[in-house]
Amino acid sequence: MKIRITSDSTCDFSHEMKKRFHVGVVPLYVIKDGIAYRDSKDITCDEIFAHVAAGGALCTTSAVSQSEYEDFFEKQLEGYDGLVHVNLSSEMSSCHQNAVVAAEKFKNVHVVDSRNLSSGQGLIVIRGAELAEKGEMTAEEIAADLRNFASKVDASFIVDNLEYLRKGGRCSTLTALGANLLGIKPCIEVKDGKMSVGRKYRGTFQKALKLYVRDRLKEDDTIDPRRIFITHTPVGEGVVDTVRTEVENCKKFDEILESDAYCVISCHCGPNTLGILYTHK
């Protein structure tokens, strides 16, 4: 069967990644000064951060509507026998529920809750694309596989400054103030579809990242060595190279993929945020 794989822009796929894996992507929205912009199509991360740095209000985000999903699914289904759509975690957005309702209008559209975000979601999309390319499974079978696979994704990231999370209501002012004054860089982990704080690191951003990579990768034989993502918002020169080197020193992966976080993800965590995302066997 010929199955189409699609996702929301929160999977943080570059143009090259969309082409490589033949994935259709529908954008969420970033709201700046009351105006809605399509994620990374009508607005960039640099524009968002410049706006906030100049004293502007923190941008908010908005889900894809049911009617937009219906139009998107109809278009993406052209020439295909079925479609599997992977959403941002239902714990973080109404996108999943909107997509589920929209899918009811079609005979062979199946929606998967990634229970994740960013490249954690992207890893599930890639799995779906690889299964679809083989042409041996129905859309329903692929969707069932991906729901099981979602529990194997390991997604986390280090935040240099908690100000964006504080402004967005995802951590308290007291927590943010204490972390920033003490130079603490928290590790944010995605578990059960939600974000939680893991280990906290002290020191510079690059030092924290090195320790973070070692903590996640060293002496863990359950990690699938096929691929790992290094995904980030705008970071300083040399930061990604430092992390890549540390990843290579800790574990041998067949493929290390670098990905820029889209605007929806970026405007919640701010600049200087970086994570490594991979799967377990």
C-alpha atoms as a PDB file:
ATOM      1  CA  MET A   1       0.000   0.000   0.000  1.00  0.00           C
ATOM      2  CA  LYS A   2       1.050   3.573  -0.596  1.00  0.00           C
ATOM      3  CA  ILE A   3       0.878   5.389   2.743  1.00  0.00           C
ATOM      4  CA  ARG A   4       1.480   9.103   3.349  1.00  0.00           C
ATOM      5  CA  ILE A   5       3.172  10.183   6.600  1.00  0.00           C
ATOM      6  CA  THR A   6       2.490  13.683   7.935  1.00  0.00           C
ATOM      7  CA  SER A   7       3.144  15.703  11.083  1.00  0.00           C
ATOM      8  CA  ASP A   8       2.820  19.104  12.698  1.00  0.00           C
ATOM      9  CA  SER A   9       5.573  21.726  12.463  1.00  0.00           C
ATOM     10  CA  THR A  10       6.510  20.894  16.057  1.00  0.00           C
ATOM     11  CA  CYS A  11       8.500  17.913  14.707  1.00  0.00           C
ATOM     12  CA  ASP A  12      11.136  20.536  13.745  1.00  0.00           C
ATOM     13  CA  PHE A  13      11.919  19.005  10.347  1.00  0.00           C
ATOM     14  CA  SER A  14      14.105  21.029   8.022  1.00  0.00           C
ATOM     15  CA  HIS A  15      13.187  21.347   4.347  1.00  0.00           C
ATOM     16  CA  GLU A  16      15.829  18.721   3.577  1.00  0.00           C
ATOM     17  CA  MET A  17      14.369  16.321   6.145  1.00  0.00           C
ATOM     18  CA  LYS A  18      10.876  16.693   4.697  1.00  0.00           C
ATOM     19  CA  LYS A  19      12.212  15.828   1.248  1.00  0.00           C
ATOM     20  CA  ARG A  20      14.402  12.968   2.429  1.00  0.00           C
ATOM     21  CA  PHE A  21      11.593  11.200   4.289  1.00  0.00           C
ATOM     22  CA  HIS A  22       8.705  12.383   2.056  1.00  0.00           C
ATOM     23  CA  VAL A  23       6.807  13.904   4.967  1.00  0.00           C
ATOM     24  CA  GLY A  24       4.004  16.459   4.762  1.00  0.00           C
ATOM     25  CA  VAL A  25       3.965  19.101   7.516  1.00  0.00           C
ATOM     26  CA  VAL A  26       1.177  21.423   8.664  1.00  0.00           C
ATOM     27  CA  PRO A  27       2.223  24.555  10.609  1.00  0.00           C
ATOM     28  CA  LEU A  28       1.004  25.638  14.011  1.00  0.00           C
ATOM     29  CA  TYR A  29       0.801  29.375  14.737  1.00  0.00           C
ATOM     30  CA  VAL A  30       2.870  31.899  16.655  1.00  0.00           C
ATOM     31  CA  ILE A  31       0.884  34.871  17.983  1.00  0.00           C
ATOM     32  CA  LYS A  32       2.859  38.127  18.160  1.00  0.00           C
ATOM     33  CA  ASP A  33       1.071  41.342  19.149  1.00  0.00           C
ATOM     34  CA  GLY A  34      -2.268  39.736  18.368  1.00  0.00           C
ATOM     35  CA  ILE A  35      -1.304  38.640  14.844  1.00  0.00           C
ATOM     36  CA  ALA A  36      -1.067  34.930  13.924  1.00  0.00           C
ATOM     37  CA  TYR A  37       1.956  33.794  11.929  1.00  0.00           C
ATOM     38  CA  ARG A  38       2.486  30.329  10.459  1.00  0.00           C
ATOM     39  CA  ASP A  39       5.291  28.546  12.288  1.00  0.00           C
ATOM     40  CA  SER A  40       8.639  29.284  10.563  1.00  0.00           C
ATOM     41  CA  LYS A  41       6.876  30.292   7.346  1.00  0.00           C
ATOM     42  CA  ASP A  42       5.703  33.821   8.193  1.00  0.00           C
ATOM     43  CA  ILE A  43       8.023  34.435  11.153  1.00  0.00           C
ATOM     44  CA  THR A  44      11.510  33.426  12.307  1.00  0.00           C
ATOM     45  CA  CYS A  45      13.047  32.674  15.691  1.00  0.00           C
ATOM     46  CA  ASP A  46      15.346  35.692  15.346  1.00  0.00           C
ATOM     47  CA  GLU A  47      12.324  37.959  14.883  1.00  0.00           C
ATOM     48  CA  ILE A  48      10.660  36.493  17.984  1.00  0.00           C
ATOM     49  CA  PHE A  49      13.726  36.868  20.180  1.00  0.00           C
ATOM     50  CA  ALA A  50      14.436  40.389  18.927  1.00  0.00           C
ATOM     51  CA  HIS A  51      10.840  41.362  19.698  1.00  0.00           C
ATOM     52  CA  VAL A  52      11.092  40.087  23.293  1.00  0.00           C
ATOM     53  CA  ALA A  53      14.573  41.574  23.808  1.00  0.00           C
ATOM     54  CA  ALA A  54      13.202  44.969  22.767  1.00  0.00           C
ATOM     55  CA  GLY A  55      10.591  44.782  25.528  1.00  0.00           C
ATOM     56  CA  GLY A  56       7.770  43.173  23.579  1.00  0.00           C
ATOM     57  CA  ALA A  57       5.401  40.663  25.126  1.00  0.00           C
ATOM     58  CA  LEU A  58       6.272  36.985  24.952  1.00  0.00           C
ATOM     59  CA  CYS A  59       4.778  35.357  21.873  1.00  0.00           C
ATOM     60  CA  THR A  60       2.138  32.684  22.379  1.00  0.00           C
ATOM     61  CA  THR A  61       1.233  29.721  20.205  1.00  0.00           C
ATOM     62  CA  SER A  62      -1.942  28.347  18.704  1.00  0.00           C
ATOM     63  CA  ALA A  63      -2.962  24.880  17.525  1.00  0.00           C
ATOM     64  CA  VAL A  64      -4.042  23.788  14.074  1.00  0.00           C
ATOM     65  CA  SER A  65      -7.852  23.881  13.872  1.00  0.00           C
ATOM     66  CA  GLN A  66     -10.096  20.958  12.976  1.00  0.00           C
ATOM     67  CA  SER A  67     -11.061  22.511   9.643  1.00  0.00           C
ATOM     68  CA  GLU A  68      -7.404  23.139   8.789  1.00  0.00           C
ATOM     69  CA  TYR A  69      -6.612  19.494   9.485  1.00  0.00           C
ATOM     70  CA  GLU A  70      -9.478  18.415   7.254  1.00  0.00           C
ATOM     71  CA  ASP A  71      -8.142  20.506   4.370  1.00  0.00           C
ATOM     72  CA  PHE A  72      -4.587  19.300   5.039  1.00  0.00           C
ATOM     73  CA  PHE A  73      -5.549  15.601   5.164  1.00  0.00           C
ATOM     74  CA  GLU A  74      -7.594  15.862   1.990  1.00  0.00           C
ATOM     75  CA  LYS A  75      -4.701  17.377   0.094  1.00  0.00           C
ATOM     76  CA  GLN A  76      -2.057  15.033   1.517  1.00  0.00           C
ATOM     77  CA  LEU A  77      -4.147  11.952   0.685  1.00  0.00           C
ATOM     78  CA  GLU A  78      -4.063  12.652  -3.055  1.00  0.00           C
ATOM     79  CA  GLY A  79      -2.384   9.687  -4.729  1.00  0.00           C
ATOM     80  CA  TYR A  80      -2.180   7.638  -1.518  1.00  0.00           C
ATOM     81  CA  ASP A  81      -4.139   4.716  -0.057  1.00  0.00           C
ATOM     82  CA  GLY A  82      -3.960   5.991   3.497  1.00  0.00           C
ATOM     83  CA  LEU A  83      -2.367   8.540   5.813  1.00  0.00           C
ATOM     84  CA  VAL A  84      -0.740   8.429   9.245  1.00  0.00           C
ATOM     85  CA  HIS A  85      -0.413  11.760  11.058  1.00  0.00           C
ATOM     86  CA  VAL A  86       1.899  12.237  14.068  1.00  0.00           C
ATOM     87  CA  ASN A  87       0.991  14.987  16.532  1.00  0.00           C
ATOM     88  CA  LEU A  88       2.667  16.974  19.270  1.00  0.00           C
ATOM     89  CA  SER A  89       1.868  15.385  22.655  1.00  0.00           C
ATOM     90  CA  SER A  90      -1.808  15.672  23.593  1.00  0.00           C
ATOM     91  CA  GLU A  91      -0.629  16.797  27.050  1.00  0.00           C
ATOM     92  CA  MET A  92       0.866  19.950  25.499  1.00  0.00           C
ATOM     93  CA  SER A  93      -1.610  21.023  22.845  1.00  0.00           C
ATOM     94  CA  SER A  94      -5.135  20.591  21.491  1.00  0.00           C
ATOM     95  CA  CYS A  95      -3.626  19.679  18.098  1.00  0.00           C
ATOM     96  CA  HIS A  96      -4.049  15.967  18.707  1.00  0.00           C
ATOM     97  CA  GLN A  97      -7.729  16.157  19.585  1.00  0.00           C
ATOM     98  CA  ASN A  98      -8.431  18.463  16.637  1.00  0.00           C
ATOM     99  CA  ALA A  99      -6.657  16.064  14.294  1.00  0.00           C
ATOM    100  CA  VAL A 100      -8.534  13.045  15.694  1.00  0.00           C
ATOM    101  CA  VAL A 101     -11.890  14.722  15.055  1.00  0.00           C
ATOM    102  CA  ALA A 102     -10.812  15.792  11.564  1.00  0.00           C
ATOM    103  CA  ALA A 103      -9.640  12.243  10.755  1.00  0.00           C
ATOM    104  CA  GLU A 104     -13.169  10.938  11.341  1.00  0.00           C
ATOM    105  CA  LYS A 105     -14.162  12.566   8.047  1.00  0.00           C
ATOM    106  CA  PHE A 106     -11.894  10.158   6.147  1.00  0.00           C
ATOM    107  CA  LYS A 107     -11.817   6.394   5.636  1.00  0.00           C
ATOM    108  CA  ASN A 108      -8.124   5.756   6.089  1.00  0.00           C
ATOM    109  CA  VAL A 109      -6.532   8.545   8.155  1.00  0.00           C
ATOM    110  CA  HIS A 110      -4.979   7.520  11.473  1.00  0.00           C
ATOM    111  CA  VAL A 111      -3.671   9.953  14.083  1.00  0.00           C
ATOM    112  CA  VAL A 112      -0.809   9.130  16.456  1.00  0.00           C
ATOM    113  CA  ASP A 113      -0.140  10.962  19.721  1.00  0.00           C
ATOM    114  CA  SER A 114       3.658  11.231  19.806  1.00  0.00           C
ATOM    115  CA  ARG A 115       3.639  11.861  23.569  1.00  0.00           C
ATOM    116  CA  ASN A 116       6.576  14.066  22.696  1.00  0.00           C
ATOM    117  CA  LEU A 117       7.742  17.246  20.976  1.00  0.00           C
ATOM    118  CA  SER A 118      10.422  18.532  18.631  1.00  0.00           C
ATOM    119  CA  SER A 119      12.787  15.872  17.294  1.00  0.00           C
ATOM    120  CA  GLY A 120      11.373  13.374  19.785  1.00  0.00           C
ATOM    121  CA  GLN A 121       8.222  13.631  17.712  1.00  0.00           C
ATOM    122  CA  GLY A 122      10.428  13.671  14.623  1.00  0.00           C
ATOM    123  CA  LEU A 123      11.958  10.296  15.466  1.00  0.00           C
ATOM    124  CA  ILE A 124       8.476   8.779  15.432  1.00  0.00           C
ATOM    125  CA  VAL A 125       7.765  10.450  12.092  1.00  0.00           C
ATOM    126  CA  ILE A 126      10.957   8.960  10.635  1.00  0.00           C
ATOM    127  CA  ARG A 127       9.975   5.502  11.856  1.00  0.00           C
ATOM    128  CA  GLY A 128       6.612   5.926  10.130  1.00  0.00           C
ATOM    129  CA  ALA A 129       8.292   7.088   6.923  1.00  0.00           C
ATOM    130  CA  GLU A 130      10.612   4.081   6.901  1.00  0.00           C
ATOM    131  CA  LEU A 131       7.717   1.665   7.413  1.00  0.00           C
ATOM    132  CA  ALA A 132       5.658   3.385   4.728  1.00  0.00           C
ATOM    133  CA  GLU A 133       8.541   3.184   2.261  1.00  0.00           C
ATOM    134  CA  LYS A 134       8.641  -0.603   2.596  1.00  0.00           C
ATOM    135  CA  GLY A 135       5.001  -0.753   1.454  1.00  0.00           C
ATOM    136  CA  GLU A 136       4.248  -3.839   3.539  1.00  0.00           C
ATOM    137  CA  MET A 137       1.888  -2.387   6.160  1.00  0.00           C
ATOM    138  CA  THR A 138      -1.486  -0.677   6.134  1.00  0.00           C
ATOM    139  CA  ALA A 139      -1.920   2.808   7.583  1.00  0.00           C
ATOM    140  CA  GLU A 140      -3.671   1.294  10.593  1.00  0.00           C
ATOM    141  CA  GLU A 141      -0.771  -1.107  11.204  1.00  0.00           C
ATOM    142  CA  ILE A 142       1.817   1.682  10.925  1.00  0.00           C
ATOM    143  CA  ALA A 143      -0.151   3.847  13.358  1.00  0.00           C
ATOM    144  CA  ALA A 144      -0.283   0.985  15.878  1.00  0.00           C
ATOM    145  CA  ASP A 145       3.460   0.435  15.537  1.00  0.00           C
ATOM    146  CA  LEU A 146       4.196   4.123  16.101  1.00  0.00           C
ATOM    147  CA  ARG A 147       2.045   4.300  19.227  1.00  0.00           C
ATOM    148  CA  ASN A 148       4.127   1.494  20.686  1.00  0.00           C
ATOM    149  CA  PHE A 149       7.391   3.009  19.433  1.00  0.00           C
ATOM    150  CA  ALA A 150       6.610   6.371  21.089  1.00  0.00           C
ATOM    151  CA  SER A 151       7.464   4.954  24.514  1.00  0.00           C
ATOM    152  CA  LYS A 152      11.035   4.256  23.332  1.00  0.00           C
ATOM    153  CA  VAL A 153      11.861   7.900  22.552  1.00  0.00           C
ATOM    154  CA  ASP A 154      14.256   9.671  24.910  1.00  0.00           C
ATOM    155  CA  ALA A 155      13.880  13.458  24.663  1.00  0.00           C
ATOM    156  CA  SER A 156      15.475  16.092  26.881  1.00  0.00           C
ATOM    157  CA  PHE A 157      17.163  19.466  26.601  1.00  0.00           C
ATOM    158  CA  ILE A 158      19.211  21.970  28.567  1.00  0.00           C
ATOM    159  CA  VAL A 159      17.915  25.512  29.049  1.00  0.00           C
ATOM    160  CA  ASP A 160      20.479  28.269  29.536  1.00  0.00           C
ATOM    161  CA  ASN A 161      18.016  30.787  30.965  1.00  0.00           C
ATOM    162  CA  LEU A 162      14.599  30.099  32.483  1.00  0.00           C
ATOM    163  CA  GLU A 163      13.168  33.516  31.642  1.00  0.00           C
ATOM    164  CA  TYR A 164      11.090  32.304  28.682  1.00  0.00           C
ATOM    165  CA  LEU A 165       9.734  29.325  30.620  1.00  0.00           C
ATOM    166  CA  ARG A 166       8.900  31.691  33.483  1.00  0.00           C
ATOM    167  CA  LYS A 167       7.131  34.200  31.235  1.00  0.00           C
ATOM    168  CA  GLY A 168       5.201  31.381  29.626  1.00  0.00           C
ATOM    169  CA  GLY A 169       4.012  30.144  33.019  1.00  0.00           C
ATOM    170  CA  ARG A 170       6.013  26.898  32.917  1.00  0.00           C
ATOM    171  CA  CYS A 171       8.096  27.655  35.997  1.00  0.00           C
ATOM    172  CA  SER A 172       7.791  30.027  38.930  1.00  0.00           C
ATOM    173  CA  THR A 173       9.492  33.410  39.184  1.00  0.00           C
ATOM    174  CA  LEU A 174      11.291  32.236  42.333  1.00  0.00           C
ATOM    175  CA  THR A 175      12.628  29.116  40.607  1.00  0.00           C
ATOM    176  CA  ALA A 176      13.794  31.098  37.598  1.00  0.00           C
ATOM    177  CA  LEU A 177      15.446  33.786  39.726  1.00  0.00           C
ATOM    178  CA  GLY A 178      17.261  31.240  41.865  1.00  0.00           C
ATOM    179  CA  ALA A 179      18.452  29.235  38.869  1.00  0.00           C
ATOM    180  CA  ASN A 180      19.695  32.293  37.004  1.00  0.00           C
ATOM    181  CA  LEU A 181      21.474  33.759  40.028  1.00  0.00           C
ATOM    182  CA  LEU A 182      23.207  30.474  40.835  1.00  0.00           C
ATOM    183  CA  GLY A 183      24.076  29.739  37.224  1.00  0.00           C
ATOM    184  CA  ILE A 184      21.955  26.566  37.206  1.00  0.00           C
ATOM    185  CA  LYS A 185      21.113  24.994  33.837  1.00  0.00           C
ATOM    186  CA  PRO A 186      18.209  22.569  34.304  1.00  0.00           C
ATOM    187  CA  CYS A 187      17.650  19.498  32.162  1.00  0.00           C
ATOM    188  CA  ILE A 188      14.046  19.401  30.965  1.00  0.00           C
ATOM    189  CA  GLU A 189      12.867  15.845  30.280  1.00  0.00           C
ATOM    190  CA  VAL A 190       9.810  14.658  28.390  1.00  0.00           C
ATOM    191  CA  LYS A 191       8.103  11.837  30.279  1.00  0.00           C
ATOM    192  CA  ASP A 192       4.599  10.459  29.793  1.00  0.00           C
ATOM    193  CA  GLY A 193       3.897  13.236  27.319  1.00  0.00           C
ATOM    194  CA  LYS A 194       4.760  16.009  29.781  1.00  0.00           C
ATOM    195  CA  MET A 195       7.812  18.129  30.561  1.00  0.00           C
ATOM    196  CA  SER A 196       9.526  17.781  33.935  1.00  0.00           C
ATOM    197  CA  VAL A 197      12.785  18.965  35.463  1.00  0.00           C
ATOM    198  CA  GLY A 198      15.575  16.413  35.703  1.00  0.00           C
ATOM    199  CA  ARG A 199      19.150  16.980  36.820  1.00  0.00           C
ATOM    200  CA  LYS A 200      20.383  20.538  37.334  1.00  0.00           C
ATOM    201  CA  TYR A 201      23.830  21.598  36.172  1.00  0.00           C
ATOM    202  CA  ARG A 202      26.021  24.480  37.338  1.00  0.00           C
ATOM    203  CA  GLY A 203      28.495  26.511  35.360  1.00  0.00           C
ATOM    204  CA  THR A 204      28.618  27.766  31.796  1.00  0.00           C
ATOM    205  CA  PHE A 205      26.196  26.580  29.141  1.00  0.00           C
ATOM    206  CA  GLN A 206      28.891  24.612  27.287  1.00  0.00           C
ATOM    207  CA  LYS A 207      30.145  22.951  30.476  1.00  0.00           C
ATOM    208  CA  ALA A 208      26.589  21.969  31.409  1.00  0.00           C
ATOM    209  CA  LEU A 209      26.018  20.535  27.931  1.00  0.00           C
ATOM    210  CA  LYS A 210      29.102  18.322  28.127  1.00  0.00           C
ATOM    211  CA  LEU A 211      28.016  16.882  31.476  1.00  0.00           C
ATOM    212  CA  TYR A 212      24.457  16.482  30.211  1.00  0.00           C
ATOM    213  CA  VAL A 213      25.546  14.478  27.149  1.00  0.00           C
ATOM    214  CA  ARG A 214      27.723  12.209  29.286  1.00  0.00           C
ATOM    215  CA  ASP A 215      24.898  11.639  31.760  1.00  0.00           C
ATOM    216  CA  ARG A 216      22.449  10.692  29.001  1.00  0.00           C
ATOM    217  CA  LEU A 217      24.660   8.511  26.825  1.00  0.00           C
ATOM    218  CA  LYS A 218      27.475   6.894  28.795  1.00  0.00           C
ATOM    219  CA  GLU A 219      27.067   3.341  30.055  1.00  0.00           C
ATOM    220  CA  ASP A 220      23.573   2.894  28.611  1.00  0.00           C
ATOM    221  CA  ASP A 221      23.451  -0.214  26.435  1.00  0.00           C
ATOM    222  CA  THR A 222      19.720   0.174  25.760  1.00  0.00           C
ATOM    223  CA  ILE A 223      20.235   3.122  23.378  1.00  0.00           C
ATOM    224  CA  ASP A 224      19.492   2.416  19.715  1.00  0.00           C
ATOM    225  CA  PRO A 225      22.685   3.396  17.829  1.00  0.00           C
ATOM    226  CA  ARG A 226      21.009   4.113  14.500  1.00  0.00           C
ATOM    227  CA  ARG A 227      20.478   7.850  14.922  1.00  0.00           C
ATOM    228  CA  ILE A 228      20.471  10.763  17.334  1.00  0.00           C
ATOM    229  CA  PHE A 229      19.260  14.335  16.949  1.00  0.00           C
ATOM    230  CA  ILE A 230      21.020  17.430  18.230  1.00  0.00           C
ATOM    231  CA  THR A 231      18.223  19.989  18.204  1.00  0.00           C
ATOM    232  CA  HIS A 232      18.548  23.582  19.320  1.00  0.00           C
ATOM    233  CA  THR A 233      17.250  27.109  19.264  1.00  0.00           C
ATOM    234  CA  PRO A 234      19.812  29.795  18.227  1.00  0.00           C
ATOM    235  CA  VAL A 235      23.016  29.100  20.192  1.00  0.00           C
ATOM    236  CA  GLY A 236      26.497  30.596  20.294  1.00  0.00           C
ATOM    237  CA  GLU A 237      29.267  29.770  17.875  1.00  0.00           C
ATOM    238  CA  GLY A 238      30.900  26.409  18.534  1.00  0.00           C
ATOM    239  CA  VAL A 239      28.181  25.107  20.863  1.00  0.00           C
ATOM    240  CA  VAL A 240      26.802  22.507  18.455  1.00  0.00           C
ATOM    241  CA  ASP A 241      30.302  21.335  17.521  1.00  0.00           C
ATOM    242  CA  THR A 242      31.100  20.886  21.205  1.00  0.00           C
ATOM    243  CA  VAL A 243      28.009  18.761  21.717  1.00  0.00           C
ATOM    244  CA  ARG A 244      28.623  16.722  18.555  1.00  0.00           C
ATOM    245  CA  THR A 245      32.162  15.936  19.707  1.00  0.00           C
ATOM    246  CA  GLU A 246      30.906  14.884  23.136  1.00  0.00           C
ATOM    247  CA  VAL A 247      28.237  12.653  21.564  1.00  0.00           C
ATOM    248  CA  GLU A 248      30.886  10.989  19.373  1.00  0.00           C
ATOM    249  CA  ASN A 249      33.125  10.457  22.396  1.00  0.00           C
ATOM    250  CA  CYS A 250      30.327   8.822  24.378  1.00  0.00           C
ATOM    251  CA  LYS A 251      28.661   6.534  21.838  1.00  0.00           C
ATOM    252  CA  LYS A 252      28.878   5.459  18.219  1.00  0.00           C
ATOM    253  CA  PHE A 253      25.780   6.409  16.234  1.00  0.00           C
ATOM    254  CA  ASP A 254      25.235   5.568  12.569  1.00  0.00           C
ATOM    255  CA  GLU A 255      23.843   9.058  12.047  1.00  0.00           C
ATOM    256  CA  ILE A 256      23.980  12.332  13.973  1.00  0.00           C
ATOM    257  CA  LEU A 257      21.332  14.749  12.714  1.00  0.00           C
ATOM    258  CA  GLU A 258      21.329  18.445  13.561  1.00  0.00           C
ATOM    259  CA  SER A 259      18.006  20.258  13.642  1.00  0.00           C
ATOM    260  CA  ASP A 260      16.968  23.860  14.293  1.00  0.00           C
ATOM    261  CA  ALA A 261      13.946  24.159  16.544  1.00  0.00           C
ATOM    262  CA  TYR A 262      10.989  25.828  14.844  1.00  0.00           C
ATOM    263  CA  CYS A 263       9.378  28.971  16.222  1.00  0.00           C
ATOM    264  CA  VAL A 264       6.626  27.265  18.247  1.00  0.00           C
ATOM    265  CA  ILE A 265       9.151  25.267  20.257  1.00  0.00           C
ATOM    266  CA  SER A 266      11.639  28.144  20.433  1.00  0.00           C
ATOM    267  CA  CYS A 267       9.269  30.769  21.770  1.00  0.00           C
ATOM    268  CA  HIS A 268       8.508  28.582  24.805  1.00  0.00           C
ATOM    269  CA  CYS A 269      12.119  27.856  25.818  1.00  0.00           C
ATOM    270  CA  GLY A 270      14.072  30.810  24.436  1.00  0.00           C
ATOM    271  CA  PRO A 271      17.537  31.064  22.876  1.00  0.00           C
ATOM    272  CA  ASN A 272      20.422  28.886  24.051  1.00  0.00           C
ATOM    273  CA  THR A 273      18.379  25.734  24.442  1.00  0.00           C
ATOM    274  CA  LEU A 274      19.792  22.446  23.160  1.00  0.00           C
ATOM    275  CA  GLY A 275      18.828  18.823  23.460  1.00  0.00           C
ATOM    276  CA  ILE A 276      19.843  15.363  22.334  1.00  0.00           C
ATOM    277  CA  LEU A 277      17.016  13.083  21.269  1.00  0.00           C
ATOM    278  CA  TYR A 278      17.248   9.387  20.444  1.00  0.00           C
ATOM    279  CA  THR A 279      15.467   6.081  20.969  1.00  0.00           C
ATOM    280  CA  HIS A 280      15.966   2.941  23.022  1.00  0.00           C
ATOM    281  CA  LYS A 281      16.064  -0.564  21.616  1.00  0.00           C
END
